[in-house]
Structures are given as C-alpha cells and as structure tokens.
Amino acid sequence: MTDNTIPMPEKPKMGDYKRHLLVCTGPRCTENGEAQALFETLGEKFKAVGIDKGELRVKRTRTHCFATCKSGPIMCVQPDGVWYYNVNETNLQRIIDEHLVGGRPVEELIYHRSACSAP
C-alpha cells in the first residue's frame, strides 16, 4: 500500500506589526507611477521615524486596485480602517508622523472609514 498524502508546506513566518499600510500602485490611480515611487520610499521613511521594527512596526504592501480610482495615490491603514487620498510626498509624511507614529489620523486627507473603525 502506497502513502499518497501530500506533505504540508512549511508554514510562513511573519513578525508582529501594529498597522498595515496598503498602497494602491495600479495604473488608474496615478498614470505616471507616483504611487509606486512613494511606495519605494516607505522603507527609509519608516526607518527614519522608528516604525520599521519594534512595537510600532508598520507592514507595507502594494495592491493593484482598490476600485476607487480618483485623486490618487490612495492608501489604506489597517486595522484602523482609514482610507487616504491625494497622498503626495508632503501628505505621506503627515500620515507617517501623525497617524502611524502619533496614532491620530489626518482627518482632512481621509475619504473613507470602514464601518468597524473608530469615529
């Protein structure tokens, strides 16, 4: 009798993080690659303010499309359920300093909050 069971793959490992920043880098949010360029700066920006590791660590992920294709670049901060628009270089730094480090969302840049997020 032959054992035909397929072995389970090794379980992935991921470090703890406080927040997850999702960045739409799809072609309809920004036609000239601005979102991708902003995404590529996040590692150094996070390191500069100390959210690349430790208790306040922020995980960052590129997404292809949020299906809200206006006024990009667009970013979403989870688990806070906060969606930002018009994330240019200046606004990105505000989001990092005020929200990701300081814990206070940048109200005037928010275009949506998920139903489960705090007011």
C-alpha atoms as a PDB file:
ATOM      1  CA  MET A   1       0.000   0.000   0.000  1.00  0.00           C
ATOM      2  CA  THR A   2       1.399   3.380  -1.039  1.00  0.00           C
ATOM      3  CA  ASP A   3       1.028   6.501   1.088  1.00  0.00           C
ATOM      4  CA  ASN A   4      -0.313   9.210  -1.263  1.00  0.00           C
ATOM      5  CA  THR A   5      -0.566  12.010   1.279  1.00  0.00           C
ATOM      6  CA  ILE A   6       0.928  15.281   0.161  1.00  0.00           C
ATOM      7  CA  PRO A   7       3.240  16.802   2.729  1.00  0.00           C
ATOM      8  CA  MET A   8       2.202  20.166   4.151  1.00  0.00           C
ATOM      9  CA  PRO A   9       4.393  23.051   3.018  1.00  0.00           C
ATOM     10  CA  GLU A  10       6.394  24.898   5.628  1.00  0.00           C
ATOM     11  CA  LYS A  11       4.276  27.485   7.410  1.00  0.00           C
ATOM     12  CA  PRO A  12       5.353  31.069   6.606  1.00  0.00           C
ATOM     13  CA  LYS A  13       6.680  33.322   9.345  1.00  0.00           C
ATOM     14  CA  MET A  14       5.867  36.985   9.840  1.00  0.00           C
ATOM     15  CA  GLY A  15       6.951  39.399  12.534  1.00  0.00           C
ATOM     16  CA  ASP A  16       4.428  41.266  14.645  1.00  0.00           C
ATOM     17  CA  TYR A  17       3.249  44.657  13.451  1.00  0.00           C
ATOM     18  CA  LYS A  18       0.904  47.359  14.777  1.00  0.00           C
ATOM     19  CA  ARG A  19      -0.510  48.610  11.481  1.00  0.00           C
ATOM     20  CA  HIS A  20      -0.605  47.521   7.858  1.00  0.00           C
ATOM     21  CA  LEU A  21      -0.302  50.199   5.174  1.00  0.00           C
ATOM     22  CA  LEU A  22      -1.784  49.175   1.813  1.00  0.00           C
ATOM     23  CA  VAL A  23      -0.746  51.309  -1.153  1.00  0.00           C
ATOM     24  CA  CYS A  24      -2.549  51.178  -4.483  1.00  0.00           C
ATOM     25  CA  THR A  25       0.071  51.148  -7.222  1.00  0.00           C
ATOM     26  CA  GLY A  26      -2.376  50.309 -10.000  1.00  0.00           C
ATOM     27  CA  PRO A  27      -2.248  52.275 -13.252  1.00  0.00           C
ATOM     28  CA  ARG A  28      -5.576  54.092 -12.818  1.00  0.00           C
ATOM     29  CA  CYS A  29      -4.820  55.862  -9.512  1.00  0.00           C
ATOM     30  CA  THR A  30      -1.734  57.577 -10.868  1.00  0.00           C
ATOM     31  CA  GLU A  31      -0.796  57.415 -14.507  1.00  0.00           C
ATOM     32  CA  ASN A  32       2.871  58.363 -14.084  1.00  0.00           C
ATOM     33  CA  GLY A  33       3.879  55.882 -11.389  1.00  0.00           C
ATOM     34  CA  GLU A  34       3.697  58.335  -8.479  1.00  0.00           C
ATOM     35  CA  ALA A  35       2.211  55.702  -6.152  1.00  0.00           C
ATOM     36  CA  GLN A  36       4.971  53.191  -6.914  1.00  0.00           C
ATOM     37  CA  ALA A  37       7.599  55.889  -6.334  1.00  0.00           C
ATOM     38  CA  LEU A  38       6.028  56.762  -2.957  1.00  0.00           C
ATOM     39  CA  PHE A  39       5.875  53.079  -2.025  1.00  0.00           C
ATOM     40  CA  GLU A  40       9.576  52.706  -2.759  1.00  0.00           C
ATOM     41  CA  THR A  41      10.402  55.481  -0.257  1.00  0.00           C
ATOM     42  CA  LEU A  42       8.499  53.888   2.628  1.00  0.00           C
ATOM     43  CA  GLY A  43      11.317  51.675   3.890  1.00  0.00           C
ATOM     44  CA  GLU A  44      13.643  54.612   4.520  1.00  0.00           C
ATOM     45  CA  LYS A  45      10.846  56.830   5.846  1.00  0.00           C
ATOM     46  CA  PHE A  46       9.718  54.139   8.287  1.00  0.00           C
ATOM     47  CA  LYS A  47      13.295  53.568   9.411  1.00  0.00           C
ATOM     48  CA  ALA A  48      13.827  57.319   9.969  1.00  0.00           C
ATOM     49  CA  VAL A  49      10.916  57.505  12.430  1.00  0.00           C
ATOM     50  CA  GLY A  50      11.422  54.060  14.007  1.00  0.00           C
ATOM     51  CA  ILE A  51       8.373  52.219  12.686  1.00  0.00           C
ATOM     52  CA  ASP A  52      10.341  49.687  10.664  1.00  0.00           C
ATOM     53  CA  LYS A  53      10.621  47.428  13.731  1.00  0.00           C
ATOM     54  CA  GLY A  54       9.548  47.151  17.333  1.00  0.00           C
ATOM     55  CA  GLU A  55       6.228  47.935  18.969  1.00  0.00           C
ATOM     56  CA  LEU A  56       5.060  50.462  16.340  1.00  0.00           C
ATOM     57  CA  ARG A  57       6.194  48.425  13.308  1.00  0.00           C
ATOM     58  CA  VAL A  58       4.164  49.090  10.173  1.00  0.00           C
ATOM     59  CA  LYS A  59       3.921  46.428   7.481  1.00  0.00           C
ATOM     60  CA  ARG A  60       3.586  47.788   3.957  1.00  0.00           C
ATOM     61  CA  THR A  61       2.060  46.115   0.921  1.00  0.00           C
ATOM     62  CA  ARG A  62       1.442  47.154  -2.685  1.00  0.00           C
ATOM     63  CA  THR A  63      -2.009  46.480  -4.055  1.00  0.00           C
ATOM     64  CA  HIS A  64      -3.128  46.595  -7.653  1.00  0.00           C
ATOM     65  CA  CYS A  65      -6.506  48.302  -7.347  1.00  0.00           C
ATOM     66  CA  PHE A  66      -8.900  49.495  -4.641  1.00  0.00           C
ATOM     67  CA  ALA A  67     -11.573  50.335  -7.272  1.00  0.00           C
ATOM     68  CA  THR A  68     -11.758  53.945  -6.036  1.00  0.00           C
ATOM     69  CA  CYS A  69      -9.779  55.444  -8.876  1.00  0.00           C
ATOM     70  CA  LYS A  70      -9.850  59.164  -8.192  1.00  0.00           C
ATOM     71  CA  SER A  71      -7.396  61.559  -6.580  1.00  0.00           C
ATOM     72  CA  GLY A  72      -4.618  59.026  -6.023  1.00  0.00           C
ATOM     73  CA  PRO A  73      -2.255  57.914  -4.787  1.00  0.00           C
ATOM     74  CA  ILE A  74      -4.552  56.085  -2.379  1.00  0.00           C
ATOM     75  CA  MET A  75      -3.538  54.332   0.839  1.00  0.00           C
ATOM     76  CA  CYS A  76      -5.392  52.352   3.473  1.00  0.00           C
ATOM     77  CA  VAL A  77      -4.270  51.924   7.091  1.00  0.00           C
ATOM     78  CA  GLN A  78      -5.435  48.720   8.764  1.00  0.00           C
ATOM     79  CA  PRO A  79      -6.695  47.698  11.263  1.00  0.00           C
ATOM     80  CA  ASP A  80      -7.779  51.343  11.662  1.00  0.00           C
ATOM     81  CA  GLY A  81      -9.978  51.227   8.548  1.00  0.00           C
ATOM     82  CA  VAL A  82      -8.750  54.643   7.392  1.00  0.00           C
ATOM     83  CA  TRP A  83      -8.516  55.388   3.660  1.00  0.00           C
ATOM     84  CA  TYR A  84      -6.404  58.310   2.429  1.00  0.00           C
ATOM     85  CA  TYR A  85      -6.396  60.076  -0.948  1.00  0.00           C
ATOM     86  CA  ASN A  86      -4.082  62.613  -2.605  1.00  0.00           C
ATOM     87  CA  VAL A  87      -1.060  61.049  -0.916  1.00  0.00           C
ATOM     88  CA  ASN A  88       1.714  63.189  -2.329  1.00  0.00           C
ATOM     89  CA  GLU A  89       5.148  63.453  -0.685  1.00  0.00           C
ATOM     90  CA  THR A  90       4.021  66.097   1.847  1.00  0.00           C
ATOM     91  CA  ASN A  91       0.792  64.307   2.747  1.00  0.00           C
ATOM     92  CA  LEU A  92       2.616  60.993   3.083  1.00  0.00           C
ATOM     93  CA  GLN A  93       4.963  62.493   5.669  1.00  0.00           C
ATOM     94  CA  ARG A  94       1.979  63.850   7.611  1.00  0.00           C
ATOM     95  CA  ILE A  95       0.310  60.419   7.553  1.00  0.00           C
ATOM     96  CA  ILE A  96       3.514  58.808   8.811  1.00  0.00           C
ATOM     97  CA  ASP A  97       4.155  61.381  11.552  1.00  0.00           C
ATOM     98  CA  GLU A  98       0.610  61.995  12.737  1.00  0.00           C
ATOM     99  CA  HIS A  99      -1.127  58.650  12.157  1.00  0.00           C
ATOM    100  CA  LEU A 100       1.427  55.851  12.013  1.00  0.00           C
ATOM    101  CA  VAL A 101       3.671  57.301  14.742  1.00  0.00           C
ATOM    102  CA  GLY A 102       1.300  59.587  16.657  1.00  0.00           C
ATOM    103  CA  GLY A 103      -1.858  57.498  16.402  1.00  0.00           C
ATOM    104  CA  ARG A 104      -4.022  60.389  15.141  1.00  0.00           C
ATOM    105  CA  PRO A 105      -5.478  60.035  11.620  1.00  0.00           C
ATOM    106  CA  VAL A 106      -5.055  63.061   9.327  1.00  0.00           C
ATOM    107  CA  GLU A 107      -8.746  63.943   9.047  1.00  0.00           C
ATOM    108  CA  GLU A 108      -8.630  66.243   6.004  1.00  0.00           C
ATOM    109  CA  LEU A 109      -6.937  63.531   3.896  1.00  0.00           C
ATOM    110  CA  ILE A 110      -9.449  60.778   4.730  1.00  0.00           C
ATOM    111  CA  TYR A 111     -12.020  59.891   2.098  1.00  0.00           C
ATOM    112  CA  HIS A 112     -13.466  56.785   3.771  1.00  0.00           C
ATOM    113  CA  ARG A 113     -13.572  54.952   7.090  1.00  0.00           C
ATOM    114  CA  SER A 114     -14.682  51.355   7.320  1.00  0.00           C
ATOM    115  CA  ALA A 115     -17.768  50.713   9.414  1.00  0.00           C
ATOM    116  CA  CYS A 116     -15.736  48.938  12.093  1.00  0.00           C
ATOM    117  CA  SER A 117     -13.254  51.797  12.583  1.00  0.00           C
ATOM    118  CA  ALA A 118     -13.500  54.233  15.461  1.00  0.00           C
ATOM    119  CA  PRO A 119     -15.037  57.679  14.767  1.00  0.00           C
END
